[in-house]
């Protein structure tokens, strides 16, 4: 019997996604460039299942029914193009090729255009949930030609995570839209993880709590508005004891956080689109700073923290404030991510449905959280909502928590504990609510040294002033360069 689907790339995600697809009644053929990996899979987890191992591209293509439906689970970048080059001689008009890796959306848009010229339906599909999600139900974000989506939909709705209002998959839009949404998902994930880590750090340095105590705090928080997968696993990680030493394992882990690039891509895209995402930016550079371990150790010997007396903090007051600050900062972070999705959708004509994005993130993915129910409802109430914090319910929730939020940021500053994401989230909130910002001075200076002009609040038009009559004492030249 010809296989309904084919999958190339049998690393951890590929193997588990294959087992998920087969489990839901879809025969599938597999290929991996390393034949030994294919053999191990065929003789192990795939044994006795409707999984056909193949050992060459021609054999793989012959094993598929037409039109072929091929899923690529290979490393982003050159590896994707290399596999596509191998497939091209065998592909026929009407075939469907799906890149299920974390490809940069720009690359996906290019590949969509190239494949479309040959009559091939190309999809970029974000898959979130890690190894467990791939096996038992991820959040899936497919983007590509709308007319070809029915070739994938019956399978995707079966293998996706299931929540109360449906499977965690939805057609996102054309071109690289699926990979763009997954990229922003990962950016929000960066921000969320950094906010949790900063909260942990304040508990550790401000209250002197040990890992076991903090595990219990996160466990209790997970029963309320902060309920999420990341809060849940923070509690689990903090409770884990190293069997060799008897110490909390988290205390023995080197404080260097790695990254694979999706957070950086999110920040770069936001800069190109002119959308502020300070929480995600802070999370990205915090990981980069963490990698500078030797420099930080050296700096700790000569750069000193606050010289005054440490603030007096008590658990009964600070822990509720931390919970409120973390919730408000998470709302700010999500607001930034959703605003970026809106700008990208407008720029690239993705046609993203924001309530649906919140819905499919409610299960399977790394950022699944109770908060997403409220985000979904906010965009249902107003699909054109320009910023999540302008929703009445979220505005009330954040306004009610801002005093605690400010208290926590102040505590971080008094302790000398870095809190870039918590403070950046608050700065975003304060900037968004500011009817007037000091950008008028910035623009006046730009007009002074670069003749960039300005607009006025009291009359229409564009203006330029010859400021030289009030030149500063230092007689600088007046270059016409931009800034």
Protein backbone atom coordinates (compact mmCIF):
# COMPACT_ATOMS: atom_id res chain seq x y z
CA UNK A 1 0.00 0.00 0.00
CA UNK A 2 1.35 3.45 -0.94
CA UNK A 3 2.02 5.72 2.02
CA UNK A 4 -0.31 8.67 2.49
CA UNK A 5 2.50 10.89 3.79
CA UNK A 6 6.28 10.95 3.69
CA UNK A 7 8.75 12.39 6.17
CA UNK A 8 12.43 13.21 5.69
CA UNK A 9 14.67 13.69 8.73
CA UNK A 10 14.60 11.20 11.59
CA UNK A 11 16.08 13.20 14.43
CA UNK A 12 14.09 13.36 17.66
CA UNK A 13 11.33 15.62 16.29
CA UNK A 14 11.06 13.69 13.02
CA UNK A 15 10.78 10.29 14.69
CA UNK A 16 8.15 11.45 17.16
CA UNK A 17 6.11 13.27 14.55
CA UNK A 18 6.19 10.12 12.39
CA UNK A 19 4.87 8.00 15.27
CA UNK A 20 2.14 10.58 15.94
CA UNK A 21 1.02 10.59 12.30
CA UNK A 22 1.00 6.79 12.05
CA UNK A 23 -0.83 6.43 15.34
CA UNK A 24 -3.72 8.46 13.93
CA UNK A 25 -4.22 6.14 11.00
CA UNK A 26 -2.02 7.63 8.27
CA UNK A 27 0.53 5.26 6.65
CA UNK A 28 3.83 7.08 6.27
CA UNK A 29 7.16 6.51 4.50
CA UNK A 30 10.40 7.81 6.02
CA UNK A 31 13.89 8.63 4.79
CA UNK A 32 17.03 9.86 6.51
CA UNK A 33 20.32 10.67 4.82
CA UNK A 34 22.04 8.39 7.36
CA UNK A 35 20.74 4.91 6.53
CA UNK A 36 21.72 3.48 9.91
CA UNK A 37 19.36 5.87 11.69
CA UNK A 38 16.54 4.72 9.42
CA UNK A 39 17.34 1.07 10.19
CA UNK A 40 17.40 1.67 13.94
CA UNK A 41 14.05 3.42 13.77
CA UNK A 42 12.53 0.70 11.57
CA UNK A 43 13.73 -2.06 13.89
CA UNK A 44 12.83 -0.15 17.03
CA UNK A 45 9.98 2.31 17.62
CA UNK A 46 8.55 1.88 14.07
CA UNK A 47 8.50 -1.91 14.10
CA UNK A 48 5.08 -3.41 13.35
CA UNK A 49 3.60 -0.03 12.42
CA UNK A 50 2.41 1.42 9.11
CA UNK A 51 5.78 3.05 8.61
CA UNK A 52 7.76 2.28 5.46
CA UNK A 53 11.53 2.78 5.75
CA UNK A 54 13.31 3.84 2.55
CA UNK A 55 16.99 4.25 1.81
CA UNK A 56 17.13 6.54 -1.23
CA UNK A 57 15.17 9.49 -2.55
CA UNK A 58 13.84 7.55 -5.58
CA UNK A 59 12.68 4.71 -3.29
CA UNK A 60 11.11 7.24 -0.93
CA UNK A 61 9.22 9.02 -3.72
CA UNK A 62 8.03 5.72 -5.18
CA UNK A 63 6.57 4.73 -1.82
CA UNK A 64 4.17 7.72 -1.75
CA UNK A 65 0.73 7.99 -3.24
CA UNK A 66 0.05 10.90 -5.56
CA UNK A 67 -0.10 13.76 -5.07
CA UNK A 68 2.86 13.31 -2.75
CA UNK A 69 2.67 14.92 0.68
CA UNK A 70 6.19 15.30 2.05
CA UNK A 71 7.21 16.72 5.43
CA UNK A 72 10.79 17.91 5.94
CA UNK A 73 12.12 17.76 9.51
CA UNK A 74 15.69 18.83 8.83
CA UNK A 75 17.90 21.59 10.18
CA UNK A 76 16.98 25.09 9.02
CA UNK A 77 19.13 26.80 6.40
CA UNK A 78 21.24 25.09 3.78
CA UNK A 79 20.03 21.61 4.74
CA UNK A 80 16.49 22.48 3.61
CA UNK A 81 17.69 23.74 0.24
CA UNK A 82 19.90 20.67 -0.17
CA UNK A 83 16.96 18.30 0.40
CA UNK A 84 14.78 20.30 -1.97
CA UNK A 85 17.47 20.05 -4.64
CA UNK A 86 17.40 16.27 -4.24
CA UNK A 87 13.61 16.14 -4.45
CA UNK A 88 13.11 18.46 -7.43
CA UNK A 89 13.80 15.92 -10.21
CA UNK A 90 11.07 13.66 -8.81
CA UNK A 91 8.42 16.21 -7.82
CA UNK A 92 5.35 16.68 -9.99
CA UNK A 93 2.79 19.50 -10.23
CA UNK A 94 0.29 19.18 -7.41
CA UNK A 95 2.74 17.63 -4.93
CA UNK A 96 2.89 19.18 -1.46
CA UNK A 97 6.16 19.82 0.40
CA UNK A 98 6.08 20.97 4.02
CA UNK A 99 9.05 22.39 5.93
CA UNK A 100 8.31 21.54 9.57
CA UNK A 101 11.54 22.97 10.97
CA UNK A 102 12.34 26.41 12.37
CA UNK A 103 13.24 28.06 9.06
CA UNK A 104 13.58 31.82 8.77
CA UNK A 105 10.35 33.08 7.19
CA UNK A 106 12.26 34.99 4.50
CA UNK A 107 13.78 31.72 3.28
CA UNK A 108 10.35 30.09 3.32
CA UNK A 109 8.85 32.89 1.22
CA UNK A 110 11.65 32.43 -1.33
CA UNK A 111 11.14 28.67 -1.47
CA UNK A 112 7.37 29.11 -1.83
CA UNK A 113 7.91 31.27 -4.90
CA UNK A 114 10.45 28.90 -6.43
CA UNK A 115 8.27 25.84 -5.90
CA UNK A 116 5.11 27.58 -7.05
CA UNK A 117 6.76 28.30 -10.41
CA UNK A 118 7.05 24.53 -10.88
CA UNK A 119 3.48 23.85 -9.74
CA UNK A 120 4.59 22.50 -6.34
CA UNK A 121 2.64 23.48 -3.23
CA UNK A 122 5.17 24.54 -0.59
CA UNK A 123 4.31 25.11 3.09
CA UNK A 124 6.29 26.50 5.99
CA UNK A 125 4.87 24.89 9.12
CA UNK A 126 5.75 25.93 12.64
CA UNK A 127 5.63 23.04 15.11
CA UNK A 128 5.85 23.81 18.82
CA UNK A 129 5.94 21.51 21.79
CA UNK A 130 9.31 19.85 21.62
CA UNK A 131 9.77 16.09 21.68
CA UNK A 132 6.68 15.45 23.81
CA UNK A 133 4.50 17.69 21.68
CA UNK A 134 5.65 16.10 18.43
CA UNK A 135 4.72 12.68 19.80
CA UNK A 136 1.44 13.38 21.54
CA UNK A 137 0.12 16.62 20.08
CA UNK A 138 1.94 19.87 19.19
CA UNK A 139 0.68 23.31 18.30
CA UNK A 140 0.92 23.54 14.51
CA UNK A 141 1.15 26.70 12.39
CA UNK A 142 1.02 25.92 8.63
CA UNK A 143 1.38 28.63 5.99
CA UNK A 144 1.27 28.14 2.23
CA UNK A 145 -1.13 28.01 -0.72
CA UNK A 146 -4.68 27.98 0.62
CA UNK A 147 -5.99 25.73 -2.14
CA UNK A 148 -3.58 22.95 -1.16
CA UNK A 149 -4.28 23.02 2.59
CA UNK A 150 -7.01 20.31 2.33
CA UNK A 151 -4.24 17.86 1.37
CA UNK A 152 -2.79 18.34 4.88
CA UNK A 153 -5.74 19.30 7.04
CA UNK A 154 -7.21 15.82 7.78
CA UNK A 155 -3.91 14.68 9.21
CA UNK A 156 -2.96 17.91 11.00
CA UNK A 157 -6.23 18.21 12.92
CA UNK A 158 -5.72 14.64 14.19
CA UNK A 159 -2.11 14.93 15.32
CA UNK A 160 -2.36 18.42 16.88
CA UNK A 161 -2.92 19.03 20.57
CA UNK A 162 -6.61 19.12 21.43
CA UNK A 163 -8.21 21.79 23.65
CA UNK A 164 -11.82 22.49 24.58
CA UNK A 165 -12.48 24.53 21.44
CA UNK A 166 -10.70 22.38 18.87
CA UNK A 167 -7.36 21.12 17.61
CA UNK A 168 -4.36 23.41 18.06
CA UNK A 169 -3.84 23.94 14.35
CA UNK A 170 -5.19 26.50 11.91
CA UNK A 171 -4.32 27.64 8.41
CA UNK A 172 -2.24 30.77 9.04
CA UNK A 173 -1.86 32.36 5.62
CA UNK A 174 0.33 32.42 2.51
CA UNK A 175 4.07 32.29 2.03
CA UNK A 176 6.16 32.33 5.18
CA UNK A 177 3.27 33.19 7.51
CA UNK A 178 3.42 29.90 9.41
CA UNK A 179 7.10 30.22 10.13
CA UNK A 180 6.66 33.89 11.02
CA UNK A 181 4.02 33.08 13.63
CA UNK A 182 6.24 30.31 15.03
CA UNK A 183 9.16 32.76 15.17
CA UNK A 184 7.13 35.27 17.19
CA UNK A 185 5.87 32.41 19.38
CA UNK A 186 9.51 31.65 20.16
CA UNK A 187 10.24 35.31 20.82
CA UNK A 188 7.42 35.44 23.36
CA UNK A 189 8.82 32.21 24.80
CA UNK A 190 12.20 33.92 25.27
CA UNK A 191 10.51 36.80 27.08
CA UNK A 192 8.41 34.53 29.26
CA UNK A 193 11.40 32.44 30.34
CA UNK A 194 13.46 35.52 31.15
CA UNK A 195 10.64 37.04 33.22
CA UNK A 196 10.34 33.82 35.23
CA UNK A 197 14.11 33.66 35.72
CA UNK A 198 14.23 37.26 36.97
CA UNK A 199 11.39 36.56 39.40
CA UNK A 200 13.33 33.53 40.66
CA UNK A 201 16.43 35.69 41.07
CA UNK A 202 14.62 38.25 43.21
CA UNK A 203 13.21 35.50 45.42
CA UNK A 204 16.68 34.03 45.76
CA UNK A 205 18.58 37.25 46.52
CA UNK A 206 15.82 39.30 48.11
CA UNK A 207 14.27 36.68 50.38
CA UNK A 208 17.05 34.11 50.52
CA UNK A 209 14.71 31.33 49.45
CA UNK A 210 16.15 27.97 48.47
CA UNK A 211 15.20 25.99 45.40
CA UNK A 212 12.70 23.77 47.25
CA UNK A 213 10.87 26.79 48.69
CA UNK A 214 10.77 28.49 45.32
CA UNK A 215 9.47 25.31 43.72
CA UNK A 216 6.52 25.44 46.10
CA UNK A 217 5.91 29.11 45.27
CA UNK A 218 5.78 28.37 41.53
CA UNK A 219 3.58 25.36 42.17
CA UNK A 220 1.09 27.56 44.04
CA UNK A 221 1.25 30.23 41.34
CA UNK A 222 0.44 27.59 38.75
CA UNK A 223 -2.95 27.12 40.43
CA UNK A 224 -3.99 30.71 39.63
CA UNK A 225 -3.80 33.34 36.88
CA UNK A 226 -0.13 32.52 36.20
CA UNK A 227 -0.99 28.93 35.23
CA UNK A 228 1.23 27.91 32.33
CA UNK A 229 3.52 25.18 31.10
CA UNK A 230 6.63 27.26 31.85
CA UNK A 231 5.54 28.00 35.43
CA UNK A 232 4.72 24.32 35.85
CA UNK A 233 8.13 23.12 34.71
CA UNK A 234 9.90 25.83 36.73
CA UNK A 235 8.40 24.20 39.83
CA UNK A 236 9.53 20.76 38.67
CA UNK A 237 13.07 21.89 37.82
CA UNK A 238 13.53 23.67 41.15
CA UNK A 239 12.37 20.60 43.08
CA UNK A 240 14.81 18.23 41.40
CA UNK A 241 17.68 17.03 43.61
CA UNK A 242 21.00 15.93 42.13
CA UNK A 243 21.47 12.27 43.15
CA UNK A 244 25.26 12.60 43.29
CA UNK A 245 25.49 15.59 45.61
CA UNK A 246 22.09 15.85 47.26
CA UNK A 247 21.97 19.51 46.20
CA UNK A 248 19.27 21.12 44.04
CA UNK A 249 20.36 20.34 40.49
CA UNK A 250 19.44 23.84 39.27
CA UNK A 251 22.12 25.28 41.60
CA UNK A 252 24.76 23.13 39.89
CA UNK A 253 23.91 24.15 36.32
CA UNK A 254 26.26 26.62 34.65
CA UNK A 255 24.57 30.01 34.25
CA UNK A 256 24.95 30.20 30.47
CA UNK A 257 21.71 30.03 28.47
CA UNK A 258 22.05 28.99 24.84
CA UNK A 259 19.87 30.07 21.92
CA UNK A 260 19.17 28.82 18.42
CA UNK A 261 18.34 32.14 16.75
CA UNK A 262 14.56 32.50 16.62
CA UNK A 263 14.55 35.13 19.38
CA UNK A 264 17.20 37.11 17.52
CA UNK A 265 15.22 36.79 14.29
CA UNK A 266 12.16 38.15 16.10
CA UNK A 267 14.12 41.16 17.33
CA UNK A 268 15.58 41.79 13.86
CA UNK A 269 12.17 41.62 12.20
CA UNK A 270 10.72 43.99 14.77
CA UNK A 271 13.47 46.50 14.02
CA UNK A 272 12.79 46.24 10.30
CA UNK A 273 9.05 46.74 10.81
CA UNK A 274 9.49 49.50 13.41
CA UNK A 275 7.67 47.66 16.19
CA UNK A 276 8.98 47.95 19.77
CA UNK A 277 9.35 44.61 21.55
CA UNK A 278 11.60 45.55 24.50
CA UNK A 279 10.81 42.48 26.61
CA UNK A 280 11.88 40.08 23.88
CA UNK A 281 14.93 42.26 23.10
CA UNK A 282 15.91 42.13 26.77
CA UNK A 283 15.52 38.36 26.86
CA UNK A 284 17.74 37.93 23.79
CA UNK A 285 20.57 40.10 25.07
CA UNK A 286 20.26 38.56 28.54
CA UNK A 287 21.06 35.14 27.04
CA UNK A 288 23.96 36.71 25.20
CA UNK A 289 25.21 38.31 28.39
CA UNK A 290 24.92 34.99 30.21
CA UNK A 291 27.30 33.45 27.66
CA UNK A 292 30.00 35.95 28.68
CA UNK A 293 30.80 33.99 31.83
CA UNK A 294 34.52 34.72 32.02
CA UNK A 295 33.97 38.45 31.48
CA UNK A 296 31.26 38.53 34.15
CA UNK A 297 33.47 36.76 36.67
CA UNK A 298 36.25 39.27 36.02
CA UNK A 299 33.85 42.22 36.18
CA UNK A 300 32.40 41.01 39.48
CA UNK A 301 35.81 41.64 41.07
CA UNK A 302 35.93 45.35 40.17
CA UNK A 303 32.32 46.45 39.61
CA UNK A 304 30.26 46.67 42.78
CA UNK A 305 26.55 46.78 43.53
CA UNK A 306 24.53 49.13 45.77
CA UNK A 307 26.50 50.49 48.73
CA UNK A 308 23.53 51.31 50.92
CA UNK A 309 21.76 49.00 53.33
CA UNK A 310 19.81 46.20 51.68
CA UNK A 311 16.05 46.75 51.67
CA UNK A 312 14.06 44.96 54.34
CA UNK A 313 11.87 42.48 52.56
CA UNK A 314 9.36 40.02 53.88
CA UNK A 315 7.86 37.01 52.19
CA UNK A 316 4.24 37.91 52.94
CA UNK A 317 4.57 41.21 51.07
CA UNK A 318 7.06 40.49 48.30
CA UNK A 319 5.70 37.17 46.98
CA UNK A 320 2.23 38.53 46.12
CA UNK A 321 3.91 41.57 44.54
CA UNK A 322 6.14 39.30 42.47
CA UNK A 323 3.11 37.34 41.27
CA UNK A 324 1.34 40.53 40.22
CA UNK A 325 4.47 41.93 38.55
CA UNK A 326 5.08 38.70 36.65
CA UNK A 327 1.49 38.60 35.39
CA UNK A 328 1.54 42.26 34.28
CA UNK A 329 4.92 41.83 32.59
CA UNK A 330 3.66 38.73 30.75
CA UNK A 331 0.68 40.72 29.46
CA UNK A 332 3.07 43.44 28.29
CA UNK A 333 5.23 40.83 26.54
CA UNK A 334 2.27 39.20 24.79
CA UNK A 335 1.02 42.65 23.76
CA UNK A 336 4.37 43.32 22.10
CA UNK A 337 4.34 39.96 20.30
CA UNK A 338 0.79 40.34 19.03
CA UNK A 339 1.54 43.90 17.87
CA UNK A 340 4.48 42.53 15.88
CA UNK A 341 2.24 39.88 14.30
CA UNK A 342 -0.21 42.60 13.27
CA UNK A 343 2.51 44.71 11.68
CA UNK A 344 3.93 41.71 9.80
CA UNK A 345 0.49 40.61 8.65
CA UNK A 346 -0.14 44.08 7.25
CA UNK A 347 3.29 44.31 5.62
CA UNK A 348 3.37 40.83 4.09
CA UNK A 349 -0.38 40.36 3.55
CA UNK A 350 -0.57 37.30 5.77
CA UNK A 351 -4.20 37.82 6.82
CA UNK A 352 -3.51 36.54 10.34
CA UNK A 353 -6.51 35.92 12.62
CA UNK A 354 -5.26 36.86 16.08
CA UNK A 355 -7.95 35.12 18.11
CA UNK A 356 -7.11 31.90 16.24
CA UNK A 357 -3.41 32.34 17.00
CA UNK A 358 -4.20 32.61 20.71
CA UNK A 359 -6.46 29.55 20.44
CA UNK A 360 -3.91 27.27 18.80
CA UNK A 361 -1.28 28.32 21.37
CA UNK A 362 -3.52 27.12 24.21
CA UNK A 363 -2.30 23.52 23.92
CA UNK A 364 0.78 21.61 22.86
CA UNK A 365 3.19 24.54 22.63
CA UNK A 366 5.78 25.83 25.07
CA UNK A 367 3.93 29.09 25.87
CA UNK A 368 0.56 27.44 26.53
CA UNK A 369 -1.04 29.27 29.44
CA UNK A 370 -4.36 30.17 31.00
CA UNK A 371 -3.67 33.75 29.93
CA UNK A 372 -4.23 32.74 26.30
CA UNK A 373 -7.92 32.15 26.98
CA UNK A 374 -8.25 35.83 27.86
CA UNK A 375 -6.12 36.90 24.88
CA UNK A 376 -8.36 34.85 22.58
CA UNK A 377 -11.47 36.52 24.00
CA UNK A 378 -9.93 40.00 23.70
CA UNK A 379 -9.40 39.54 19.95
CA UNK A 380 -12.83 37.97 19.56
CA UNK A 381 -14.33 41.09 21.11
CA UNK A 382 -12.29 43.31 18.82
CA UNK A 383 -10.43 41.68 15.89
CA UNK A 384 -8.91 45.09 15.07
CA UNK A 385 -7.54 45.66 18.58
CA UNK A 386 -4.32 47.63 17.96
CA UNK A 387 -2.69 46.60 21.24
CA UNK A 388 -3.66 43.92 23.73
CA UNK A 389 -3.36 46.28 26.70
CA UNK A 390 -6.07 48.51 25.22
CA UNK A 391 -8.62 45.75 25.75
CA UNK A 392 -10.77 46.84 28.70
CA UNK A 393 -10.26 43.63 30.68
CA UNK A 394 -6.49 43.67 30.24
CA UNK A 395 -6.26 47.40 30.92
CA UNK A 396 -8.03 46.86 34.24
CA UNK A 397 -5.86 43.86 35.10
CA UNK A 398 -2.59 45.66 34.41
CA UNK A 399 -3.66 48.93 36.03
CA UNK A 400 -4.58 47.03 39.19
CA UNK A 401 -1.15 45.39 39.32
CA UNK A 402 1.08 48.29 38.36
CA UNK A 403 1.91 49.41 41.91
CA UNK A 404 3.20 45.93 42.73
CA UNK A 405 5.03 45.87 39.40
CA UNK A 406 6.79 49.13 40.22
CA UNK A 407 7.61 47.88 43.71
CA UNK A 408 9.29 44.77 42.29
CA UNK A 409 11.33 46.77 39.79
CA UNK A 410 12.41 49.09 42.61
CA UNK A 411 13.41 46.10 44.75
CA UNK A 412 15.50 44.74 41.90
CA UNK A 413 17.28 48.06 41.56
CA UNK A 414 17.90 48.27 45.33
CA UNK A 415 19.31 44.76 45.39
CA UNK A 416 21.45 45.30 42.30
CA UNK A 417 19.82 42.28 40.72
CA UNK A 418 19.48 42.57 36.91
CA UNK A 419 15.85 42.60 35.82
CA UNK A 420 16.01 43.73 32.17
CA UNK A 421 12.79 42.03 31.05
CA UNK A 422 10.68 43.05 34.06
CA UNK A 423 11.81 46.68 33.74
CA UNK A 424 11.54 46.70 29.93
CA UNK A 425 7.98 45.40 30.19
CA UNK A 426 7.12 48.22 32.60
CA UNK A 427 8.82 50.79 30.37
CA UNK A 428 6.72 49.56 27.44
CA UNK A 429 3.57 50.01 29.54
CA UNK A 430 4.61 53.50 30.65
CA UNK A 431 5.60 54.52 27.11
CA UNK A 432 2.35 53.21 25.66
CA UNK A 433 0.24 55.13 28.16
CA UNK A 434 2.26 58.39 27.81
CA UNK A 435 0.21 60.99 25.97
CA UNK A 436 3.41 62.96 25.42
CA UNK A 437 6.95 61.55 25.21
CA UNK A 438 10.24 63.53 25.14
CA UNK A 439 10.69 62.70 21.45
CA UNK A 440 10.03 66.38 20.67
CA UNK A 441 13.53 67.17 21.96
CA UNK A 442 15.01 64.31 19.93
CA UNK A 443 13.35 65.60 16.78
CA UNK A 444 14.48 69.18 17.49
CA UNK A 445 18.08 67.97 17.77
CA UNK A 446 17.73 65.96 14.55
CA UNK A 447 16.53 69.09 12.80
CA UNK A 448 19.46 71.06 14.26
CA UNK A 449 22.26 68.81 13.01
CA UNK A 450 20.61 67.17 10.04
CA UNK A 451 17.80 69.45 8.82
CA UNK A 452 15.39 66.53 9.23
CA UNK A 453 12.42 68.90 9.84
CA UNK A 454 9.65 68.52 12.39
CA UNK A 455 5.91 68.93 12.79
CA UNK A 456 4.18 71.17 15.33
CA UNK A 457 1.26 70.56 17.68
CA UNK A 458 -0.28 73.99 17.07
CA UNK A 459 -0.33 74.18 13.27
CA UNK A 460 -0.24 71.97 10.17
CA UNK A 461 2.81 71.53 7.98
CA UNK A 462 6.44 70.43 8.08
CA UNK A 463 9.00 72.88 9.48
CA UNK A 464 12.75 73.46 9.64
CA UNK A 465 14.46 75.98 11.86
CA UNK A 466 17.88 77.65 11.43
CA UNK A 467 18.94 76.98 15.01
CA UNK A 468 22.40 78.53 14.50
CA UNK A 469 21.28 81.85 15.97
CA UNK A 470 21.15 80.02 19.30
CA UNK A 471 24.23 77.88 18.70
CA UNK A 472 25.77 76.28 21.83
CA UNK A 473 29.05 77.70 23.14
CA UNK A 474 31.01 74.80 21.65
CA UNK A 475 31.11 75.68 17.97
CA UNK A 476 30.36 72.31 16.38
CA UNK A 477 29.86 72.07 12.61
CA UNK A 478 26.36 71.46 11.30
CA UNK A 479 26.64 68.27 9.24
CA UNK A 480 23.70 67.21 7.13
CA UNK A 481 24.11 63.53 7.99
CA UNK A 482 21.19 61.49 9.26
CA UNK A 483 20.87 60.07 12.77
